[in-house]
Amino acid sequence: MTAGLYATIGVRVREILAEAQRLGTGDPLPRNMLGEMLLADELRHELVPGKLGPDARDAVGRLYEYKVTNERVSGEHEGQVWFKFSEGRDPSRIERKYGGLAGVICAHRRQYVSAFDLILFVPPRAIAADLVAKQRGGGRAEASYPVSTLRRLGAVPIANASDLDAVLRAMP
C-alpha cells in the first residue's frame, strides 16, 4: 500500500470534521451525517444536533426525519432503492417521534456523487401508522421500504426547498 494514498481525502475529511464541530452538528461520520449534510444544504435546512429525535429543521422551525442512502439493493430487488427505518418495538415511541415532524425526507444519491437523483417527501403520520401496524403484527424492529411502498403511503417527489414548501402548504 502506498503511503499517503488517502492523504487528500484525509485532509478534506478533517476539514469537514472541524467545520461540523464549529457548527455544533456532532461527528458526521457515524450515522451517514455527510449525506444528511448534503440533503440539508439542498433543502436549506439546519441539522439538529444529537442522535435521537429529528434530523433537521427548516427556517420556520418545522422538524424533519432524514433517510439518506447511496445504495441500491441486489438480488431479487436488483437496482431498487430501499430506505431503512429502525424505530424499536414501542408503538408509542414511534407515534411520539413521527407525530412531532412536518415530514420524512427520503433521499438517494449515486455513490461518489453529491447530487441527489431522488428526494421524496413522506407524510410522517402515514409512515408512523405503517410502522406501528408492522410492530403490532409481530414485525421486526427494523423495516425497509422500497420507493413503491413509500409512494403508496403518500410520498411525493421534490427537488428543492420550494417544492417542499409547496407540498407542506397543500397538506391538510
N, C-alpha and C. Protein backbone atom coordinates (compact mmCIF):
# COMPACT_ATOMS: atom_id res chain seq x y z
N MET A 1 0.85 -1.17 0.00
CA MET A 1 0.00 0.00 0.00
C MET A 1 0.90 1.24 0.00
N THR A 2 0.57 2.19 -0.81
CA THR A 2 1.34 3.42 -0.91
C THR A 2 1.07 4.31 0.28
N ALA A 3 2.12 4.85 0.88
CA ALA A 3 1.95 5.79 1.99
C ALA A 3 1.25 7.03 1.46
N GLY A 4 0.30 7.51 2.21
CA GLY A 4 -0.39 8.74 1.83
C GLY A 4 -1.44 8.56 0.75
N LEU A 5 -1.83 7.32 0.49
CA LEU A 5 -2.80 7.04 -0.56
C LEU A 5 -4.09 7.85 -0.37
N TYR A 6 -4.50 8.01 0.89
CA TYR A 6 -5.74 8.72 1.18
C TYR A 6 -5.49 10.11 1.75
N ALA A 7 -4.31 10.65 1.54
CA ALA A 7 -3.94 11.93 2.14
C ALA A 7 -4.91 13.05 1.77
N THR A 8 -5.25 13.17 0.49
CA THR A 8 -6.15 14.24 0.07
C THR A 8 -7.52 14.09 0.69
N ILE A 9 -8.04 12.86 0.68
CA ILE A 9 -9.34 12.62 1.30
C ILE A 9 -9.25 12.90 2.80
N GLY A 10 -8.15 12.46 3.42
CA GLY A 10 -7.97 12.68 4.85
C GLY A 10 -7.99 14.15 5.22
N VAL A 11 -7.32 14.96 4.42
CA VAL A 11 -7.32 16.41 4.67
C VAL A 11 -8.74 16.96 4.60
N ARG A 12 -9.47 16.57 3.60
CA ARG A 12 -10.83 17.09 3.43
C ARG A 12 -11.77 16.58 4.53
N VAL A 13 -11.64 15.30 4.90
CA VAL A 13 -12.47 14.76 5.98
C VAL A 13 -12.17 15.51 7.27
N ARG A 14 -10.87 15.78 7.55
CA ARG A 14 -10.53 16.54 8.75
C ARG A 14 -11.13 17.94 8.70
N GLU A 15 -11.14 18.57 7.52
CA GLU A 15 -11.78 19.88 7.37
C GLU A 15 -13.28 19.80 7.65
N ILE A 16 -13.90 18.74 7.14
CA ILE A 16 -15.34 18.54 7.37
C ILE A 16 -15.61 18.35 8.86
N LEU A 17 -14.79 17.54 9.52
CA LEU A 17 -14.97 17.30 10.95
C LEU A 17 -14.80 18.60 11.75
N ALA A 18 -13.80 19.39 11.41
CA ALA A 18 -13.58 20.66 12.11
C ALA A 18 -14.76 21.61 11.90
N GLU A 19 -15.28 21.66 10.68
CA GLU A 19 -16.43 22.54 10.41
C GLU A 19 -17.68 22.03 11.12
N ALA A 20 -17.87 20.72 11.17
CA ALA A 20 -19.01 20.16 11.90
C ALA A 20 -18.91 20.50 13.38
N GLN A 21 -17.71 20.43 13.93
CA GLN A 21 -17.53 20.78 15.34
C GLN A 21 -17.82 22.27 15.55
N ARG A 22 -17.34 23.12 14.65
CA ARG A 22 -17.60 24.55 14.75
C ARG A 22 -19.09 24.85 14.71
N LEU A 23 -19.82 24.14 13.85
CA LEU A 23 -21.27 24.34 13.72
C LEU A 23 -22.07 23.66 14.82
N GLY A 24 -21.43 22.75 15.57
CA GLY A 24 -22.11 22.06 16.65
C GLY A 24 -23.04 20.95 16.19
N THR A 25 -22.80 20.38 15.02
CA THR A 25 -23.69 19.35 14.49
C THR A 25 -23.37 17.96 15.01
N GLY A 26 -22.22 17.79 15.64
CA GLY A 26 -21.79 16.46 16.06
C GLY A 26 -20.94 15.83 14.98
N ASP A 27 -20.38 14.68 15.30
CA ASP A 27 -19.49 13.97 14.38
C ASP A 27 -20.28 13.43 13.20
N PRO A 28 -19.95 13.86 11.96
CA PRO A 28 -20.74 13.44 10.80
C PRO A 28 -20.47 12.03 10.29
N LEU A 29 -19.47 11.34 10.80
CA LEU A 29 -19.13 10.05 10.23
C LEU A 29 -19.97 8.88 10.72
N PRO A 30 -20.36 8.79 11.99
CA PRO A 30 -21.01 7.56 12.45
C PRO A 30 -22.38 7.27 11.86
N ARG A 31 -23.18 8.23 11.48
CA ARG A 31 -24.56 7.93 11.12
C ARG A 31 -24.99 8.52 9.77
N ASN A 32 -24.13 8.42 8.80
CA ASN A 32 -24.43 8.92 7.47
C ASN A 32 -24.71 10.41 7.48
N MET A 33 -24.09 11.12 8.40
CA MET A 33 -24.34 12.54 8.51
C MET A 33 -23.83 13.32 7.32
N LEU A 34 -22.83 12.80 6.61
CA LEU A 34 -22.38 13.52 5.42
C LEU A 34 -23.50 13.59 4.39
N GLY A 35 -24.22 12.49 4.21
CA GLY A 35 -25.39 12.50 3.32
C GLY A 35 -26.45 13.45 3.84
N GLU A 36 -26.65 13.46 5.15
CA GLU A 36 -27.63 14.37 5.75
C GLU A 36 -27.22 15.83 5.56
N MET A 37 -25.91 16.10 5.66
CA MET A 37 -25.43 17.46 5.44
C MET A 37 -25.70 17.91 4.00
N LEU A 38 -25.46 17.00 3.05
CA LEU A 38 -25.74 17.34 1.65
C LEU A 38 -27.23 17.62 1.45
N LEU A 39 -28.08 16.79 2.07
CA LEU A 39 -29.53 16.98 1.93
C LEU A 39 -29.97 18.27 2.60
N ALA A 40 -29.46 18.54 3.79
CA ALA A 40 -29.81 19.78 4.49
C ALA A 40 -29.42 20.99 3.65
N ASP A 41 -28.27 20.93 3.02
CA ASP A 41 -27.84 22.02 2.15
C ASP A 41 -28.78 22.17 0.96
N GLU A 42 -29.18 21.05 0.38
CA GLU A 42 -30.09 21.07 -0.78
C GLU A 42 -31.44 21.69 -0.43
N LEU A 43 -31.93 21.39 0.78
CA LEU A 43 -33.27 21.84 1.19
C LEU A 43 -33.23 23.11 2.06
N ARG A 44 -32.05 23.65 2.25
CA ARG A 44 -31.87 24.85 3.09
C ARG A 44 -32.36 24.61 4.51
N HIS A 45 -32.02 23.46 5.06
CA HIS A 45 -32.35 23.10 6.43
C HIS A 45 -31.12 23.22 7.31
N GLU A 46 -31.35 23.16 8.60
CA GLU A 46 -30.29 23.13 9.59
C GLU A 46 -30.36 21.77 10.29
N LEU A 47 -29.23 21.10 10.43
CA LEU A 47 -29.22 19.82 11.13
C LEU A 47 -29.42 20.04 12.62
N VAL A 48 -30.15 19.14 13.25
CA VAL A 48 -30.39 19.18 14.69
C VAL A 48 -29.35 18.29 15.35
N PRO A 49 -28.57 18.82 16.29
CA PRO A 49 -27.56 18.00 16.95
C PRO A 49 -28.18 16.83 17.72
N GLY A 50 -27.42 15.76 17.84
CA GLY A 50 -27.86 14.61 18.63
C GLY A 50 -28.23 13.44 17.76
N LYS A 51 -28.25 12.26 18.40
CA LYS A 51 -28.56 11.02 17.68
C LYS A 51 -30.04 10.67 17.74
N LEU A 52 -30.73 11.15 18.75
CA LEU A 52 -32.16 10.84 18.90
C LEU A 52 -32.98 12.04 18.48
N GLY A 53 -34.18 11.78 18.04
CA GLY A 53 -35.06 12.88 17.65
C GLY A 53 -34.91 13.24 16.19
N PRO A 54 -35.43 14.39 15.81
CA PRO A 54 -35.42 14.80 14.40
C PRO A 54 -34.00 15.06 13.91
N ASP A 55 -33.84 15.00 12.61
CA ASP A 55 -32.53 15.22 11.99
C ASP A 55 -32.31 16.67 11.57
N ALA A 56 -33.40 17.37 11.20
CA ALA A 56 -33.23 18.71 10.65
C ALA A 56 -34.44 19.57 10.95
N ARG A 57 -34.23 20.89 10.79
CA ARG A 57 -35.33 21.85 10.91
C ARG A 57 -35.21 22.87 9.79
N ASP A 58 -36.36 23.38 9.37
CA ASP A 58 -36.34 24.41 8.33
C ASP A 58 -36.31 25.80 8.98
N ALA A 59 -36.36 26.83 8.15
CA ALA A 59 -36.21 28.20 8.63
C ALA A 59 -37.33 28.63 9.57
N VAL A 60 -38.51 27.99 9.48
CA VAL A 60 -39.62 28.37 10.36
C VAL A 60 -39.75 27.41 11.55
N GLY A 61 -38.82 26.47 11.67
CA GLY A 61 -38.79 25.59 12.84
C GLY A 61 -39.47 24.24 12.68
N ARG A 62 -39.98 23.93 11.49
CA ARG A 62 -40.58 22.61 11.27
C ARG A 62 -39.48 21.55 11.29
N LEU A 63 -39.79 20.39 11.86
CA LEU A 63 -38.81 19.33 12.05
C LEU A 63 -38.98 18.20 11.05
N TYR A 64 -37.86 17.56 10.70
CA TYR A 64 -37.86 16.51 9.69
C TYR A 64 -36.98 15.35 10.11
N GLU A 65 -37.37 14.16 9.71
CA GLU A 65 -36.55 12.97 9.81
C GLU A 65 -35.95 12.76 8.42
N TYR A 66 -34.66 12.49 8.34
CA TYR A 66 -33.99 12.22 7.07
C TYR A 66 -33.66 10.74 6.98
N LYS A 67 -33.86 10.17 5.81
CA LYS A 67 -33.38 8.84 5.46
C LYS A 67 -32.59 9.01 4.16
N VAL A 68 -31.27 8.88 4.26
CA VAL A 68 -30.40 9.13 3.11
C VAL A 68 -29.61 7.87 2.81
N THR A 69 -29.56 7.49 1.55
CA THR A 69 -28.78 6.33 1.15
C THR A 69 -28.10 6.60 -0.18
N ASN A 70 -27.03 5.86 -0.42
CA ASN A 70 -26.41 5.90 -1.74
C ASN A 70 -26.30 4.48 -2.29
N GLU A 71 -27.11 3.58 -1.74
CA GLU A 71 -27.05 2.18 -2.15
C GLU A 71 -28.31 1.77 -2.90
N ARG A 72 -28.15 0.77 -3.75
CA ARG A 72 -29.26 0.09 -4.40
C ARG A 72 -29.12 -1.38 -4.03
N VAL A 73 -30.23 -2.04 -3.84
CA VAL A 73 -30.16 -3.43 -3.40
C VAL A 73 -29.83 -4.36 -4.57
N SER A 74 -29.40 -5.55 -4.21
CA SER A 74 -29.10 -6.56 -5.23
C SER A 74 -30.02 -7.75 -5.01
N GLY A 75 -29.84 -8.76 -5.80
CA GLY A 75 -30.65 -9.96 -5.65
C GLY A 75 -32.03 -9.79 -6.25
N GLU A 76 -33.04 -10.27 -5.53
CA GLU A 76 -34.42 -10.27 -6.01
C GLU A 76 -34.92 -8.87 -6.40
N HIS A 77 -34.45 -7.86 -5.68
CA HIS A 77 -34.91 -6.49 -5.92
C HIS A 77 -33.82 -5.64 -6.57
N GLU A 78 -33.05 -6.25 -7.43
CA GLU A 78 -31.90 -5.63 -8.09
C GLU A 78 -32.19 -4.20 -8.55
N GLY A 79 -31.32 -3.29 -8.12
CA GLY A 79 -31.38 -1.91 -8.59
C GLY A 79 -32.39 -1.03 -7.89
N GLN A 80 -33.23 -1.59 -7.03
CA GLN A 80 -34.21 -0.75 -6.34
C GLN A 80 -33.57 0.00 -5.18
N VAL A 81 -34.17 1.11 -4.84
CA VAL A 81 -33.74 1.90 -3.69
C VAL A 81 -34.70 1.59 -2.54
N TRP A 82 -34.14 1.24 -1.39
CA TRP A 82 -34.92 0.96 -0.18
C TRP A 82 -34.42 1.87 0.92
N PHE A 83 -35.31 2.26 1.82
CA PHE A 83 -34.95 3.11 2.95
C PHE A 83 -35.27 2.37 4.25
N LYS A 84 -34.31 2.36 5.19
CA LYS A 84 -34.46 1.63 6.45
C LYS A 84 -34.99 2.55 7.55
N PHE A 85 -35.91 2.02 8.32
CA PHE A 85 -36.46 2.69 9.50
C PHE A 85 -36.23 1.76 10.68
N SER A 86 -35.42 2.17 11.64
CA SER A 86 -35.12 1.37 12.83
C SER A 86 -35.66 2.13 14.04
N GLU A 87 -36.89 1.90 14.38
CA GLU A 87 -37.54 2.71 15.41
C GLU A 87 -37.87 1.95 16.68
N GLY A 88 -37.42 0.72 16.79
CA GLY A 88 -37.71 -0.05 18.00
C GLY A 88 -39.09 -0.68 17.97
N ARG A 89 -39.45 -1.31 19.06
CA ARG A 89 -40.69 -2.07 19.11
C ARG A 89 -41.82 -1.38 19.86
N ASP A 90 -41.60 -0.18 20.35
CA ASP A 90 -42.60 0.52 21.15
C ASP A 90 -43.46 1.42 20.27
N PRO A 91 -44.72 1.03 20.01
CA PRO A 91 -45.58 1.84 19.14
C PRO A 91 -45.75 3.28 19.64
N SER A 92 -45.81 3.49 20.95
CA SER A 92 -45.99 4.86 21.44
C SER A 92 -44.75 5.71 21.15
N ARG A 93 -43.57 5.10 21.15
CA ARG A 93 -42.35 5.83 20.80
C ARG A 93 -42.38 6.24 19.33
N ILE A 94 -42.82 5.33 18.48
CA ILE A 94 -42.93 5.64 17.05
C ILE A 94 -43.92 6.79 16.84
N GLU A 95 -45.08 6.71 17.48
CA GLU A 95 -46.09 7.75 17.32
C GLU A 95 -45.58 9.10 17.83
N ARG A 96 -44.86 9.09 18.96
CA ARG A 96 -44.31 10.35 19.50
C ARG A 96 -43.28 10.94 18.55
N LYS A 97 -42.39 10.08 18.06
CA LYS A 97 -41.33 10.57 17.18
C LYS A 97 -41.89 11.21 15.91
N TYR A 98 -42.76 10.48 15.24
CA TYR A 98 -43.26 10.97 13.95
C TYR A 98 -44.38 11.99 14.10
N GLY A 99 -45.06 11.98 15.25
CA GLY A 99 -46.12 12.94 15.48
C GLY A 99 -45.65 14.38 15.54
N GLY A 100 -44.40 14.59 15.91
CA GLY A 100 -43.86 15.95 16.01
C GLY A 100 -43.14 16.43 14.77
N LEU A 101 -43.22 15.67 13.69
CA LEU A 101 -42.49 16.02 12.48
C LEU A 101 -43.39 16.65 11.42
N ALA A 102 -42.81 17.53 10.64
CA ALA A 102 -43.50 18.07 9.46
C ALA A 102 -43.41 17.10 8.31
N GLY A 103 -42.36 16.26 8.31
CA GLY A 103 -42.22 15.31 7.22
C GLY A 103 -41.02 14.41 7.39
N VAL A 104 -41.02 13.35 6.61
CA VAL A 104 -39.89 12.45 6.49
C VAL A 104 -39.35 12.65 5.08
N ILE A 105 -38.06 12.89 4.98
CA ILE A 105 -37.44 13.11 3.68
C ILE A 105 -36.52 11.93 3.38
N CYS A 106 -36.85 11.20 2.33
CA CYS A 106 -36.03 10.06 1.89
C CYS A 106 -35.29 10.50 0.63
N ALA A 107 -33.97 10.33 0.64
CA ALA A 107 -33.18 10.81 -0.49
C ALA A 107 -32.16 9.76 -0.91
N HIS A 108 -31.95 9.67 -2.21
CA HIS A 108 -30.94 8.75 -2.76
C HIS A 108 -29.99 9.54 -3.65
N ARG A 109 -28.70 9.24 -3.49
CA ARG A 109 -27.71 9.78 -4.41
C ARG A 109 -26.81 8.62 -4.85
N ARG A 110 -26.29 8.73 -6.04
CA ARG A 110 -25.37 7.70 -6.52
C ARG A 110 -24.05 7.80 -5.74
N GLN A 111 -23.36 6.69 -5.60
CA GLN A 111 -22.08 6.70 -4.89
C GLN A 111 -21.11 7.65 -5.56
N TYR A 112 -20.40 8.40 -4.74
CA TYR A 112 -19.38 9.36 -5.15
C TYR A 112 -19.95 10.59 -5.86
N VAL A 113 -21.25 10.75 -5.83
CA VAL A 113 -21.90 11.92 -6.46
C VAL A 113 -22.64 12.66 -5.37
N SER A 114 -22.46 13.97 -5.30
CA SER A 114 -23.09 14.72 -4.22
C SER A 114 -24.54 15.10 -4.54
N ALA A 115 -24.92 15.10 -5.82
CA ALA A 115 -26.29 15.48 -6.18
C ALA A 115 -27.24 14.30 -5.95
N PHE A 116 -28.46 14.60 -5.57
CA PHE A 116 -29.46 13.57 -5.33
C PHE A 116 -30.22 13.28 -6.61
N ASP A 117 -30.45 11.98 -6.88
CA ASP A 117 -31.26 11.63 -8.04
C ASP A 117 -32.70 11.33 -7.64
N LEU A 118 -32.98 11.32 -6.33
CA LEU A 118 -34.34 11.10 -5.84
C LEU A 118 -34.47 11.72 -4.46
N ILE A 119 -35.47 12.57 -4.29
CA ILE A 119 -35.83 13.09 -2.97
C ILE A 119 -37.34 12.95 -2.86
N LEU A 120 -37.79 12.27 -1.80
CA LEU A 120 -39.21 12.06 -1.57
C LEU A 120 -39.63 12.69 -0.25
N PHE A 121 -40.76 13.37 -0.26
CA PHE A 121 -41.40 13.81 0.98
C PHE A 121 -42.42 12.74 1.34
N VAL A 122 -42.33 12.21 2.58
CA VAL A 122 -43.27 11.19 3.04
C VAL A 122 -44.05 11.78 4.22
N PRO A 123 -45.39 11.75 4.16
CA PRO A 123 -46.16 12.25 5.30
C PRO A 123 -45.82 11.45 6.56
N PRO A 124 -45.45 12.13 7.64
CA PRO A 124 -44.98 11.42 8.84
C PRO A 124 -46.05 10.53 9.48
N ARG A 125 -47.30 10.95 9.44
CA ARG A 125 -48.35 10.13 10.06
C ARG A 125 -48.56 8.82 9.29
N ALA A 126 -48.37 8.86 7.98
CA ALA A 126 -48.55 7.65 7.17
C ALA A 126 -47.46 6.64 7.47
N ILE A 127 -46.21 7.09 7.55
CA ILE A 127 -45.12 6.15 7.83
C ILE A 127 -45.24 5.64 9.26
N ALA A 128 -45.63 6.52 10.20
CA ALA A 128 -45.79 6.09 11.60
C ALA A 128 -46.87 5.02 11.71
N ALA A 129 -48.00 5.24 11.06
CA ALA A 129 -49.10 4.27 11.12
C ALA A 129 -48.67 2.93 10.54
N ASP A 130 -47.90 2.95 9.46
CA ASP A 130 -47.45 1.71 8.85
C ASP A 130 -46.43 1.00 9.74
N LEU A 131 -45.51 1.75 10.33
CA LEU A 131 -44.53 1.16 11.24
C LEU A 131 -45.22 0.54 12.47
N VAL A 132 -46.20 1.25 13.03
CA VAL A 132 -46.93 0.74 14.19
C VAL A 132 -47.69 -0.53 13.81
N ALA A 133 -48.32 -0.53 12.64
CA ALA A 133 -49.04 -1.72 12.18
C ALA A 133 -48.09 -2.91 12.04
N LYS A 134 -46.90 -2.66 11.51
CA LYS A 134 -45.91 -3.74 11.39
C LYS A 134 -45.52 -4.27 12.76
N GLN A 135 -45.31 -3.37 13.72
CA GLN A 135 -44.92 -3.79 15.08
C GLN A 135 -46.04 -4.59 15.74
N ARG A 136 -47.25 -4.10 15.62
CA ARG A 136 -48.38 -4.80 16.25
C ARG A 136 -48.65 -6.14 15.59
N GLY A 137 -48.23 -6.26 14.33
CA GLY A 137 -48.40 -7.53 13.61
C GLY A 137 -47.24 -8.48 13.85
N GLY A 138 -46.37 -8.14 14.81
CA GLY A 138 -45.25 -9.01 15.13
C GLY A 138 -44.04 -8.78 14.26
N GLY A 139 -44.00 -7.64 13.58
CA GLY A 139 -42.88 -7.35 12.69
C GLY A 139 -41.59 -7.06 13.44
N ARG A 140 -40.53 -6.95 12.68
CA ARG A 140 -39.22 -6.67 13.25
C ARG A 140 -39.11 -5.21 13.69
N ALA A 141 -38.10 -4.94 14.50
CA ALA A 141 -37.86 -3.57 14.97
C ALA A 141 -37.34 -2.68 13.84
N GLU A 142 -36.91 -3.30 12.76
CA GLU A 142 -36.40 -2.55 11.62
C GLU A 142 -37.26 -2.85 10.41
N ALA A 143 -37.65 -1.83 9.70
CA ALA A 143 -38.45 -2.02 8.49
C ALA A 143 -37.75 -1.33 7.33
N SER A 144 -37.78 -1.97 6.18
CA SER A 144 -37.22 -1.39 4.96
C SER A 144 -38.35 -1.17 3.97
N TYR A 145 -38.32 -0.01 3.33
CA TYR A 145 -39.38 0.36 2.40
C TYR A 145 -38.80 0.66 1.02
N PRO A 146 -39.31 -0.01 -0.02
CA PRO A 146 -38.93 0.39 -1.37
C PRO A 146 -39.69 1.67 -1.73
N VAL A 147 -39.21 2.35 -2.74
CA VAL A 147 -39.83 3.60 -3.18
C VAL A 147 -41.31 3.38 -3.51
N SER A 148 -41.65 2.25 -4.11
CA SER A 148 -43.05 2.00 -4.49
C SER A 148 -43.97 1.98 -3.26
N THR A 149 -43.51 1.42 -2.16
CA THR A 149 -44.32 1.40 -0.93
C THR A 149 -44.43 2.80 -0.35
N LEU A 150 -43.35 3.55 -0.38
CA LEU A 150 -43.41 4.93 0.12
C LEU A 150 -44.40 5.75 -0.69
N ARG A 151 -44.43 5.52 -2.00
CA ARG A 151 -45.40 6.25 -2.84
C ARG A 151 -46.83 5.83 -2.48
N ARG A 152 -47.04 4.56 -2.18
CA ARG A 152 -48.36 4.09 -1.74
C ARG A 152 -48.77 4.78 -0.44
N LEU A 153 -47.79 5.11 0.39
CA LEU A 153 -48.06 5.79 1.66
C LEU A 153 -48.21 7.31 1.49
N GLY A 154 -48.13 7.78 0.26
CA GLY A 154 -48.35 9.20 0.00
C GLY A 154 -47.11 10.00 -0.30
N ALA A 155 -45.97 9.34 -0.48
CA ALA A 155 -44.73 10.06 -0.79
C ALA A 155 -44.85 10.78 -2.12
N VAL A 156 -44.29 11.97 -2.17
CA VAL A 156 -44.26 12.74 -3.41
C VAL A 156 -42.83 13.20 -3.67
N PRO A 157 -42.41 13.19 -4.94
CA PRO A 157 -41.06 13.64 -5.25
C PRO A 157 -40.94 15.15 -5.10
N ILE A 158 -39.80 15.57 -4.58
CA ILE A 158 -39.48 17.00 -4.51
C ILE A 158 -38.06 17.17 -5.04
N ALA A 159 -37.73 18.37 -5.46
CA ALA A 159 -36.38 18.61 -5.97
C ALA A 159 -35.62 19.62 -5.13
N ASN A 160 -36.35 20.43 -4.37
CA ASN A 160 -35.69 21.52 -3.65
C ASN A 160 -36.59 22.05 -2.53
N ALA A 161 -36.13 23.10 -1.86
CA ALA A 161 -36.87 23.68 -0.74
C ALA A 161 -38.21 24.26 -1.21
N SER A 162 -38.26 24.83 -2.39
CA SER A 162 -39.52 25.40 -2.89
C SER A 162 -40.57 24.31 -3.11
N ASP A 163 -40.16 23.18 -3.67
CA ASP A 163 -41.08 22.05 -3.84
C ASP A 163 -41.59 21.57 -2.49
N LEU A 164 -40.70 21.47 -1.51
CA LEU A 164 -41.09 21.02 -0.18
C LEU A 164 -42.11 21.98 0.42
N ASP A 165 -41.86 23.27 0.32
CA ASP A 165 -42.81 24.26 0.84
C ASP A 165 -44.18 24.12 0.17
N ALA A 166 -44.20 23.88 -1.13
CA ALA A 166 -45.47 23.70 -1.85
C ALA A 166 -46.22 22.48 -1.35
N VAL A 167 -45.50 21.38 -1.11
CA VAL A 167 -46.13 20.15 -0.60
C VAL A 167 -46.70 20.42 0.79
N LEU A 168 -45.95 21.10 1.63
CA LEU A 168 -46.43 21.36 3.00
C LEU A 168 -47.65 22.28 3.00
N ARG A 169 -47.68 23.25 2.11
CA ARG A 169 -48.85 24.15 2.01
C ARG A 169 -50.10 23.39 1.56
N ALA A 170 -49.91 22.37 0.73
CA ALA A 170 -51.05 21.60 0.21
C ALA A 170 -51.57 20.57 1.19
N MET A 171 -50.82 20.30 2.25
CA MET A 171 -51.26 19.29 3.23
C MET A 171 -52.36 19.84 4.12
N PRO A 172 -53.30 18.95 4.51
CA PRO A 172 -54.37 19.41 5.41
C PRO A 172 -53.86 19.76 6.79
